[in-house]
Protein backbone atom coordinates (compact mmCIF):
# COMPACT_ATOMS: atom_id res chain seq x y z
CA MET A 1 -0.05 0.01 0.02
CA LYS A 2 1.32 3.43 -1.02
CA GLN A 3 1.89 5.89 1.85
CA TYR A 4 0.28 9.21 1.43
CA PHE A 5 1.59 10.82 4.63
CA ARG A 6 4.63 13.14 4.96
CA GLN A 7 5.87 15.14 7.91
CA LEU A 8 6.99 18.47 6.66
CA THR A 9 8.23 20.01 9.98
CA THR A 10 7.59 19.22 13.61
CA GLY A 11 3.86 19.46 13.96
CA VAL A 12 2.87 19.99 10.24
CA VAL A 13 2.11 17.14 7.97
CA ILE A 14 0.56 16.37 4.52
CA ASP A 15 -1.74 13.49 4.33
CA LEU A 16 -3.43 13.13 0.83
CA ASN A 17 -6.49 11.74 2.52
CA ILE A 18 -7.07 14.90 4.61
CA ARG A 19 -7.95 18.30 3.16
CA PHE A 20 -6.76 17.37 -0.33
CA GLY A 21 -3.15 17.12 0.79
CA LYS A 22 -2.78 20.65 2.10
CA PRO A 23 -0.39 21.13 4.97
CA ILE A 24 -2.19 20.59 8.21
CA VAL A 25 -1.43 20.78 11.90
CA ARG A 26 -0.57 17.17 13.00
CA GLY A 27 -3.49 15.47 14.68
CA THR A 28 -6.09 17.94 13.34
CA ARG A 29 -7.86 18.81 10.07
CA LEU A 30 -6.89 22.42 10.40
CA THR A 31 -4.64 23.71 7.61
CA VAL A 32 -1.64 25.97 8.14
CA GLU A 33 -3.53 28.47 5.95
CA GLU A 34 -6.48 28.55 8.37
CA VAL A 35 -4.26 29.00 11.29
CA LEU A 36 -2.48 31.93 9.68
CA GLY A 37 -5.86 33.32 8.80
CA PHE A 38 -6.98 33.16 12.33
CA LEU A 39 -3.89 35.01 13.53
CA ALA A 40 -4.17 37.58 10.67
CA SER A 41 -7.76 38.30 11.67
CA GLY A 42 -6.57 39.24 15.06
CA MET A 43 -7.35 36.13 17.12
CA THR A 44 -4.99 35.44 20.03
CA TYR A 45 -3.45 32.17 20.85
CA ASP A 46 -5.90 31.66 23.73
CA GLU A 47 -8.78 32.36 21.35
CA ILE A 48 -7.62 29.84 18.81
CA GLU A 49 -7.03 27.31 21.64
CA ARG A 50 -10.56 27.76 23.00
CA GLU A 51 -12.38 27.86 19.58
CA TYR A 52 -10.33 25.21 17.69
CA GLY A 53 -8.56 23.14 20.38
CA LEU A 54 -5.10 23.97 19.15
CA THR A 55 -2.24 24.30 21.61
CA GLN A 56 0.39 27.06 21.53
CA PRO A 57 3.07 24.68 20.22
CA GLN A 58 0.68 23.61 17.37
CA ILE A 59 0.00 27.29 16.34
CA VAL A 60 3.80 27.97 16.49
CA ALA A 61 4.41 24.97 14.33
CA ALA A 62 2.10 26.34 11.67
CA ILE A 63 3.87 29.75 11.80
CA GLY A 64 7.17 27.94 11.58
CA TYR A 65 6.16 26.00 8.59
CA ALA A 66 5.03 29.19 6.76
CA ALA A 67 8.27 30.91 7.65
CA ALA A 68 10.30 27.96 6.39
CA PHE A 69 8.26 27.93 3.24
CA PHE A 70 9.21 31.47 2.49
CA HIS A 71 12.81 31.25 3.65
CA GLY A 72 15.12 32.21 0.79
CA GLU A 73 12.13 33.40 -1.36
CA GLU A 74 13.36 36.06 -3.75
CA VAL A 75 11.13 38.81 -5.12
CA ALA A 76 11.99 40.51 -8.29
CA ILE A 77 10.91 44.08 -8.47
CA LYS A 78 10.94 45.73 -11.87
CA LYS A 79 12.22 49.26 -12.15
CA ALA A 80 9.31 51.72 -12.39
CA VAL A 81 8.86 53.33 -15.86
CA ALA A 82 7.80 56.90 -16.04
CA VAL A 83 4.83 57.54 -18.21
């Protein structure tokens, strides 16, 4: 049987059978994207813990995965052209 599970970082995994293979917080069905969205909307760690049952280490794992994803990312900015 083919394995569809991969641990990306501590606390973040991909399981092709859960959420279409998006990175999720291990042991949950919550995606990293959702956790970042909760934080971006202004929710605190305590609010996320109460509402969704995540622990602070799980939230930090989602943030760490996102940071690792963008590590070394280069952005090309074109020089502005006067019109």
